[in-house]
Amino acid sequence: MNTVLTLIKKDILLEWRQKHTFFSVLLYVSCTVFVIYMMAAQPETKIWNALFWIAQLFITVNTVAKSFLQENAARNRYYFTIVPPVQYLLAKMIYSVVLMLIISLLTLGLFSLLLGYPLLRPGMFISVVCLGASCMAVLFTFLSAIAAQARQNAALMAIMGFPIAIVMLMMLSKLSNAALSNVLQEGWMMLLAVMLGMNFLILGIGVILFPFLWKE
């Protein structure tokens, strides 16, 4: 665990030294929400929900995709000699999850400020947002690791990630609809269990496959 925490601290220090990358993400989030506001003003509830999750998808891609792609080959070879592969992957995933939680809550605040506040159950919606942010962060961090080993082919990450991400977004949209109405939809707990299962499945696949990618 000390190794994982050290790697997370390393990523935080690198992010702090390259503050322009973090602020560029904040600028991207702000511009995205503002453009939606200029085009749709304060849309109805279902449109608000759909726009929020579409924005989340592209924000996740722009925020998390660089986790492995920003590491050069020489630095990866150095990490290979001093860090176990599973701990390296877990550190990257934990850092991506924390970063996406911050960005997602900021996006939710901007949506509520500019596009209206349709949440009838804010606690439930925030829980779904946190779940969605963690699932998307874990998914695209693992795909970033695959793309980094495939000669930095970012197109591979998009091809592999978007089919899974679309399924996640559909389930997250249905989960969040319960927070936008007074009636709790049937099957809500089942969808929640499926989302949690997908998150742990992707995490398990990453833990199993990443050591083989790491050797390459």
C-alpha atoms as a PDB file:
ATOM      1  CA  MET A   1       0.000   0.000   0.000  1.00  0.00           C
ATOM      2  CA  ASN A   2       2.905   2.343   0.643  1.00  0.00           C
ATOM      3  CA  THR A   3       4.026   1.860  -2.953  1.00  0.00           C
ATOM      4  CA  VAL A   4       0.544   2.726  -4.249  1.00  0.00           C
ATOM      5  CA  LEU A   5       0.390   5.862  -2.100  1.00  0.00           C
ATOM      6  CA  THR A   6       3.863   6.910  -3.260  1.00  0.00           C
ATOM      7  CA  LEU A   7       2.838   6.531  -6.900  1.00  0.00           C
ATOM      8  CA  ILE A   8      -0.346   8.535  -6.287  1.00  0.00           C
ATOM      9  CA  LYS A   9       1.726  11.265  -4.638  1.00  0.00           C
ATOM     10  CA  LYS A  10       4.019  11.236  -7.671  1.00  0.00           C
ATOM     11  CA  ASP A  11       1.061  11.784 -10.018  1.00  0.00           C
ATOM     12  CA  ILE A  12      -0.251  14.612  -7.824  1.00  0.00           C
ATOM     13  CA  LEU A  13       3.148  16.326  -7.860  1.00  0.00           C
ATOM     14  CA  LEU A  14       3.396  15.970 -11.639  1.00  0.00           C
ATOM     15  CA  GLU A  15      -0.103  17.394 -12.008  1.00  0.00           C
ATOM     16  CA  TRP A  16       0.821  20.306  -9.767  1.00  0.00           C
ATOM     17  CA  ARG A  17       3.977  21.040 -11.753  1.00  0.00           C
ATOM     18  CA  GLN A  18       1.966  20.929 -14.976  1.00  0.00           C
ATOM     19  CA  LYS A  19      -0.957  22.963 -13.730  1.00  0.00           C
ATOM     20  CA  HIS A  20      -1.846  24.011 -17.252  1.00  0.00           C
ATOM     21  CA  THR A  21      -3.188  20.510 -17.978  1.00  0.00           C
ATOM     22  CA  PHE A  22      -5.569  20.597 -15.019  1.00  0.00           C
ATOM     23  CA  PHE A  23      -6.728  24.126 -15.764  1.00  0.00           C
ATOM     24  CA  SER A  24      -7.216  23.193 -19.416  1.00  0.00           C
ATOM     25  CA  VAL A  25      -9.614  20.481 -18.252  1.00  0.00           C
ATOM     26  CA  LEU A  26     -11.466  23.016 -16.111  1.00  0.00           C
ATOM     27  CA  LEU A  27     -11.642  25.366 -19.099  1.00  0.00           C
ATOM     28  CA  TYR A  28     -12.961  22.521 -21.258  1.00  0.00           C
ATOM     29  CA  VAL A  29     -15.651  21.717 -18.680  1.00  0.00           C
ATOM     30  CA  SER A  30     -16.688  25.358 -18.342  1.00  0.00           C
ATOM     31  CA  CYS A  31     -16.817  25.919 -22.092  1.00  0.00           C
ATOM     32  CA  THR A  32     -18.809  22.726 -22.637  1.00  0.00           C
ATOM     33  CA  VAL A  33     -21.449  23.668 -20.087  1.00  0.00           C
ATOM     34  CA  PHE A  34     -21.600  27.259 -21.332  1.00  0.00           C
ATOM     35  CA  VAL A  35     -22.072  26.171 -24.961  1.00  0.00           C
ATOM     36  CA  ILE A  36     -24.881  23.830 -23.893  1.00  0.00           C
ATOM     37  CA  TYR A  37     -26.450  26.727 -21.997  1.00  0.00           C
ATOM     38  CA  MET A  38     -26.232  29.013 -25.032  1.00  0.00           C
ATOM     39  CA  MET A  39     -27.825  26.371 -27.271  1.00  0.00           C
ATOM     40  CA  ALA A  40     -30.437  24.878 -24.935  1.00  0.00           C
ATOM     41  CA  ALA A  41     -30.860  27.426 -22.104  1.00  0.00           C
ATOM     42  CA  GLN A  42     -32.646  25.440 -19.364  1.00  0.00           C
ATOM     43  CA  PRO A  43     -33.884  22.236 -20.997  1.00  0.00           C
ATOM     44  CA  GLU A  44     -36.493  19.856 -19.616  1.00  0.00           C
ATOM     45  CA  THR A  45     -35.490  17.234 -17.117  1.00  0.00           C
ATOM     46  CA  LYS A  46     -34.816  14.279 -19.429  1.00  0.00           C
ATOM     47  CA  ILE A  47     -32.805  16.431 -21.839  1.00  0.00           C
ATOM     48  CA  TRP A  48     -30.853  17.874 -18.900  1.00  0.00           C
ATOM     49  CA  ASN A  49     -29.997  14.352 -17.757  1.00  0.00           C
ATOM     50  CA  ALA A  50     -28.948  13.221 -21.246  1.00  0.00           C
ATOM     51  CA  LEU A  51     -26.768  16.286 -21.805  1.00  0.00           C
ATOM     52  CA  PHE A  52     -25.089  15.804 -18.441  1.00  0.00           C
ATOM     53  CA  TRP A  53     -23.996  12.241 -19.167  1.00  0.00           C
ATOM     54  CA  ILE A  54     -22.893  13.026 -22.714  1.00  0.00           C
ATOM     55  CA  ALA A  55     -20.726  15.809 -21.307  1.00  0.00           C
ATOM     56  CA  GLN A  56     -19.392  13.381 -18.700  1.00  0.00           C
ATOM     57  CA  LEU A  57     -18.278  10.950 -21.402  1.00  0.00           C
ATOM     58  CA  PHE A  58     -16.176  13.457 -23.319  1.00  0.00           C
ATOM     59  CA  ILE A  59     -14.832  15.055 -20.142  1.00  0.00           C
ATOM     60  CA  THR A  60     -13.689  11.626 -18.944  1.00  0.00           C
ATOM     61  CA  VAL A  61     -11.959  10.899 -22.240  1.00  0.00           C
ATOM     62  CA  ASN A  62     -10.095  14.220 -22.148  1.00  0.00           C
ATOM     63  CA  THR A  63      -9.194  13.892 -18.458  1.00  0.00           C
ATOM     64  CA  VAL A  64      -8.321  10.227 -17.937  1.00  0.00           C
ATOM     65  CA  ALA A  65      -7.022   9.166 -21.341  1.00  0.00           C
ATOM     66  CA  LYS A  66      -3.650  10.795 -20.711  1.00  0.00           C
ATOM     67  CA  SER A  67      -2.907   8.722 -17.594  1.00  0.00           C
ATOM     68  CA  PHE A  68      -0.684   6.193 -19.385  1.00  0.00           C
ATOM     69  CA  LEU A  69      -0.258   7.927 -22.746  1.00  0.00           C
ATOM     70  CA  GLN A  70       1.686  10.779 -21.156  1.00  0.00           C
ATOM     71  CA  GLU A  71       4.391   8.392 -19.915  1.00  0.00           C
ATOM     72  CA  ASN A  72       7.268   7.924 -22.354  1.00  0.00           C
ATOM     73  CA  ALA A  73       8.942   4.593 -23.074  1.00  0.00           C
ATOM     74  CA  ALA A  74      12.080   5.346 -21.057  1.00  0.00           C
ATOM     75  CA  ARG A  75      10.092   6.244 -17.956  1.00  0.00           C
ATOM     76  CA  ASN A  76       7.967   3.110 -18.320  1.00  0.00           C
ATOM     77  CA  ARG A  77      11.105   0.968 -18.465  1.00  0.00           C
ATOM     78  CA  TYR A  78      12.315   2.641 -15.272  1.00  0.00           C
ATOM     79  CA  TYR A  79       9.007   1.967 -13.507  1.00  0.00           C
ATOM     80  CA  PHE A  80       9.212  -1.632 -14.712  1.00  0.00           C
ATOM     81  CA  THR A  81      12.395  -2.143 -12.711  1.00  0.00           C
ATOM     82  CA  ILE A  82      11.153  -0.702  -9.408  1.00  0.00           C
ATOM     83  CA  VAL A  83       7.345  -1.096  -9.254  1.00  0.00           C
ATOM     84  CA  PRO A  84       5.112  -4.190  -9.393  1.00  0.00           C
ATOM     85  CA  PRO A  85       2.658  -3.884 -12.312  1.00  0.00           C
ATOM     86  CA  VAL A  86      -0.541  -4.368 -10.301  1.00  0.00           C
ATOM     87  CA  GLN A  87       0.386  -1.652  -7.816  1.00  0.00           C
ATOM     88  CA  TYR A  88       1.266   0.698 -10.664  1.00  0.00           C
ATOM     89  CA  LEU A  89      -2.115   0.108 -12.326  1.00  0.00           C
ATOM     90  CA  LEU A  90      -4.024   0.528  -9.049  1.00  0.00           C
ATOM     91  CA  ALA A  91      -2.243   3.803  -8.323  1.00  0.00           C
ATOM     92  CA  LYS A  92      -3.171   5.131 -11.755  1.00  0.00           C
ATOM     93  CA  MET A  93      -6.788   4.030 -11.325  1.00  0.00           C
ATOM     94  CA  ILE A  94      -7.152   5.521  -7.849  1.00  0.00           C
ATOM     95  CA  TYR A  95      -5.692   8.826  -9.006  1.00  0.00           C
ATOM     96  CA  SER A  96      -8.000   8.874 -12.048  1.00  0.00           C
ATOM     97  CA  VAL A  97     -11.043   8.106  -9.881  1.00  0.00           C
ATOM     98  CA  VAL A  98     -10.240  10.926  -7.438  1.00  0.00           C
ATOM     99  CA  LEU A  99      -9.617  13.363 -10.286  1.00  0.00           C
ATOM    100  CA  MET A 100     -12.852  12.397 -12.034  1.00  0.00           C
ATOM    101  CA  LEU A 101     -14.852  12.737  -8.821  1.00  0.00           C
ATOM    102  CA  ILE A 102     -13.631  16.325  -8.471  1.00  0.00           C
ATOM    103  CA  ILE A 103     -14.317  17.152 -12.123  1.00  0.00           C
ATOM    104  CA  SER A 104     -17.729  15.435 -12.083  1.00  0.00           C
ATOM    105  CA  LEU A 105     -18.935  17.314  -9.013  1.00  0.00           C
ATOM    106  CA  LEU A 106     -17.706  20.568 -10.566  1.00  0.00           C
ATOM    107  CA  THR A 107     -19.602  19.724 -13.768  1.00  0.00           C
ATOM    108  CA  LEU A 108     -22.739  19.005 -11.755  1.00  0.00           C
ATOM    109  CA  GLY A 109     -22.406  22.353 -10.018  1.00  0.00           C
ATOM    110  CA  LEU A 110     -22.058  24.198 -13.325  1.00  0.00           C
ATOM    111  CA  PHE A 111     -25.019  22.330 -14.798  1.00  0.00           C
ATOM    112  CA  SER A 112     -27.153  23.227 -11.788  1.00  0.00           C
ATOM    113  CA  LEU A 113     -26.034  26.863 -11.946  1.00  0.00           C
ATOM    114  CA  LEU A 114     -26.536  27.461 -15.673  1.00  0.00           C
ATOM    115  CA  LEU A 115     -28.991  24.814 -16.882  1.00  0.00           C
ATOM    116  CA  GLY A 116     -31.370  24.687 -13.928  1.00  0.00           C
ATOM    117  CA  TYR A 117     -31.708  22.476 -10.859  1.00  0.00           C
ATOM    118  CA  PRO A 118     -34.158  19.623 -11.583  1.00  0.00           C
ATOM    119  CA  LEU A 119     -32.897  17.294  -8.831  1.00  0.00           C
ATOM    120  CA  LEU A 120     -35.616  16.067  -6.517  1.00  0.00           C
ATOM    121  CA  ARG A 121     -33.262  13.644  -4.774  1.00  0.00           C
ATOM    122  CA  PRO A 122     -29.844  15.327  -4.859  1.00  0.00           C
ATOM    123  CA  GLY A 123     -28.206  12.764  -2.566  1.00  0.00           C
ATOM    124  CA  MET A 124     -29.194   9.906  -4.859  1.00  0.00           C
ATOM    125  CA  PHE A 125     -28.072  11.782  -7.970  1.00  0.00           C
ATOM    126  CA  ILE A 126     -24.694  12.671  -6.449  1.00  0.00           C
ATOM    127  CA  SER A 127     -24.220   9.002  -5.513  1.00  0.00           C
ATOM    128  CA  VAL A 128     -24.931   7.954  -9.102  1.00  0.00           C
ATOM    129  CA  VAL A 129     -22.550  10.635 -10.396  1.00  0.00           C
ATOM    130  CA  CYS A 130     -19.792   9.352  -8.115  1.00  0.00           C
ATOM    131  CA  LEU A 131     -20.462   5.773  -9.221  1.00  0.00           C
ATOM    132  CA  GLY A 132     -20.429   6.796 -12.873  1.00  0.00           C
ATOM    133  CA  ALA A 133     -17.238   8.817 -12.476  1.00  0.00           C
ATOM    134  CA  SER A 134     -15.443   5.896 -10.842  1.00  0.00           C
ATOM    135  CA  CYS A 135     -16.650   3.392 -13.462  1.00  0.00           C
ATOM    136  CA  MET A 136     -15.663   5.597 -16.391  1.00  0.00           C
ATOM    137  CA  ALA A 137     -12.309   6.444 -14.801  1.00  0.00           C
ATOM    138  CA  VAL A 138     -11.442   2.773 -14.209  1.00  0.00           C
ATOM    139  CA  LEU A 139     -12.495   1.837 -17.747  1.00  0.00           C
ATOM    140  CA  PHE A 140     -10.558   4.530 -19.583  1.00  0.00           C
ATOM    141  CA  THR A 141      -7.491   4.175 -17.348  1.00  0.00           C
ATOM    142  CA  PHE A 142      -7.251   0.498 -18.283  1.00  0.00           C
ATOM    143  CA  LEU A 143      -7.842   1.308 -21.962  1.00  0.00           C
ATOM    144  CA  SER A 144      -5.162   3.975 -21.748  1.00  0.00           C
ATOM    145  CA  ALA A 145      -2.756   1.308 -20.480  1.00  0.00           C
ATOM    146  CA  ILE A 146      -3.604  -0.903 -23.476  1.00  0.00           C
ATOM    147  CA  ALA A 147      -3.218   1.979 -25.922  1.00  0.00           C
ATOM    148  CA  ALA A 148       0.119   2.975 -24.383  1.00  0.00           C
ATOM    149  CA  GLN A 149       1.479  -0.520 -25.011  1.00  0.00           C
ATOM    150  CA  ALA A 150       0.134  -0.492 -28.571  1.00  0.00           C
ATOM    151  CA  ARG A 151       2.625   2.134 -29.734  1.00  0.00           C
ATOM    152  CA  GLN A 152       0.649   5.017 -28.219  1.00  0.00           C
ATOM    153  CA  ASN A 153      -2.357   4.265 -30.428  1.00  0.00           C
ATOM    154  CA  ALA A 154      -5.085   6.435 -28.922  1.00  0.00           C
ATOM    155  CA  ALA A 155      -7.527   5.370 -31.638  1.00  0.00           C
ATOM    156  CA  LEU A 156      -7.468   1.875 -30.150  1.00  0.00           C
ATOM    157  CA  MET A 157      -8.707   3.262 -26.852  1.00  0.00           C
ATOM    158  CA  ALA A 158     -11.645   4.970 -28.555  1.00  0.00           C
ATOM    159  CA  ILE A 159     -12.574   1.879 -30.575  1.00  0.00           C
ATOM    160  CA  MET A 160     -12.503  -0.404 -27.533  1.00  0.00           C
ATOM    161  CA  GLY A 161     -13.890   2.043 -25.012  1.00  0.00           C
ATOM    162  CA  PHE A 162     -16.908   3.676 -26.587  1.00  0.00           C
ATOM    163  CA  PRO A 163     -19.064   0.514 -26.971  1.00  0.00           C
ATOM    164  CA  ILE A 164     -18.617  -0.222 -23.252  1.00  0.00           C
ATOM    165  CA  ALA A 165     -18.963   3.430 -22.299  1.00  0.00           C
ATOM    166  CA  ILE A 166     -22.259   3.733 -24.195  1.00  0.00           C
ATOM    167  CA  VAL A 167     -23.703   0.795 -22.238  1.00  0.00           C
ATOM    168  CA  MET A 168     -22.527   2.417 -19.008  1.00  0.00           C
ATOM    169  CA  LEU A 169     -24.056   5.749 -19.968  1.00  0.00           C
ATOM    170  CA  MET A 170     -27.418   4.136 -20.740  1.00  0.00           C
ATOM    171  CA  MET A 171     -27.493   2.471 -17.318  1.00  0.00           C
ATOM    172  CA  LEU A 172     -26.296   5.605 -15.534  1.00  0.00           C
ATOM    173  CA  SER A 173     -28.966   7.652 -17.288  1.00  0.00           C
ATOM    174  CA  LYS A 174     -31.659   5.259 -16.073  1.00  0.00           C
ATOM    175  CA  LEU A 175     -30.229   5.265 -12.561  1.00  0.00           C
ATOM    176  CA  SER A 176     -30.141   9.052 -12.413  1.00  0.00           C
ATOM    177  CA  ASN A 177     -33.723   9.344 -13.687  1.00  0.00           C
ATOM    178  CA  ALA A 178     -34.852   8.106 -10.264  1.00  0.00           C
ATOM    179  CA  ALA A 179     -33.275  11.199  -8.692  1.00  0.00           C
ATOM    180  CA  LEU A 180     -35.187  13.430 -11.101  1.00  0.00           C
ATOM    181  CA  SER A 181     -38.654  12.125 -10.219  1.00  0.00           C
ATOM    182  CA  ASN A 182     -40.688  11.342  -7.110  1.00  0.00           C
ATOM    183  CA  VAL A 183     -41.328   7.764  -8.224  1.00  0.00           C
ATOM    184  CA  LEU A 184     -38.609   5.174  -7.695  1.00  0.00           C
ATOM    185  CA  GLN A 185     -38.320   3.110 -10.873  1.00  0.00           C
ATOM    186  CA  GLU A 186     -38.506  -0.660 -10.855  1.00  0.00           C
ATOM    187  CA  GLY A 187     -35.202  -2.467 -11.263  1.00  0.00           C
ATOM    188  CA  TRP A 188     -33.174   0.440  -9.878  1.00  0.00           C
ATOM    189  CA  MET A 189     -31.293  -1.752  -7.417  1.00  0.00           C
ATOM    190  CA  MET A 190     -30.601  -4.331 -10.136  1.00  0.00           C
ATOM    191  CA  LEU A 191     -29.089  -1.661 -12.399  1.00  0.00           C
ATOM    192  CA  LEU A 192     -27.007  -0.416  -9.490  1.00  0.00           C
ATOM    193  CA  ALA A 193     -25.730  -3.938  -8.834  1.00  0.00           C
ATOM    194  CA  VAL A 194     -24.898  -4.387 -12.527  1.00  0.00           C
ATOM    195  CA  MET A 195     -22.937  -1.132 -12.583  1.00  0.00           C
ATOM    196  CA  LEU A 196     -20.962  -2.140  -9.504  1.00  0.00           C
ATOM    197  CA  GLY A 197     -20.361  -5.563 -11.037  1.00  0.00           C
ATOM    198  CA  MET A 198     -19.062  -4.020 -14.276  1.00  0.00           C
ATOM    199  CA  ASN A 199     -16.741  -1.785 -12.284  1.00  0.00           C
ATOM    200  CA  PHE A 200     -15.219  -4.694 -10.374  1.00  0.00           C
ATOM    201  CA  LEU A 201     -15.093  -6.808 -13.549  1.00  0.00           C
ATOM    202  CA  ILE A 202     -13.061  -4.182 -15.397  1.00  0.00           C
ATOM    203  CA  LEU A 203     -10.829  -3.789 -12.354  1.00  0.00           C
ATOM    204  CA  GLY A 204     -10.313  -7.565 -12.171  1.00  0.00           C
ATOM    205  CA  ILE A 205      -9.542  -7.847 -15.883  1.00  0.00           C
ATOM    206  CA  GLY A 206      -7.046  -5.028 -15.555  1.00  0.00           C
ATOM    207  CA  VAL A 207      -5.296  -6.651 -12.592  1.00  0.00           C
ATOM    208  CA  ILE A 208      -5.043  -9.950 -14.498  1.00  0.00           C
ATOM    209  CA  LEU A 209      -4.013  -8.646 -17.924  1.00  0.00           C
ATOM    210  CA  PHE A 210      -1.875  -5.623 -17.094  1.00  0.00           C
ATOM    211  CA  PRO A 211       1.173  -7.644 -15.887  1.00  0.00           C
ATOM    212  CA  PHE A 212       1.328  -9.282 -19.330  1.00  0.00           C
ATOM    213  CA  LEU A 213       1.050  -5.884 -21.047  1.00  0.00           C
ATOM    214  CA  TRP A 214       3.674  -4.544 -18.671  1.00  0.00           C
ATOM    215  CA  LYS A 215       6.172  -7.205 -19.771  1.00  0.00           C
ATOM    216  CA  GLU A 216       5.759  -6.164 -23.385  1.00  0.00           C
END
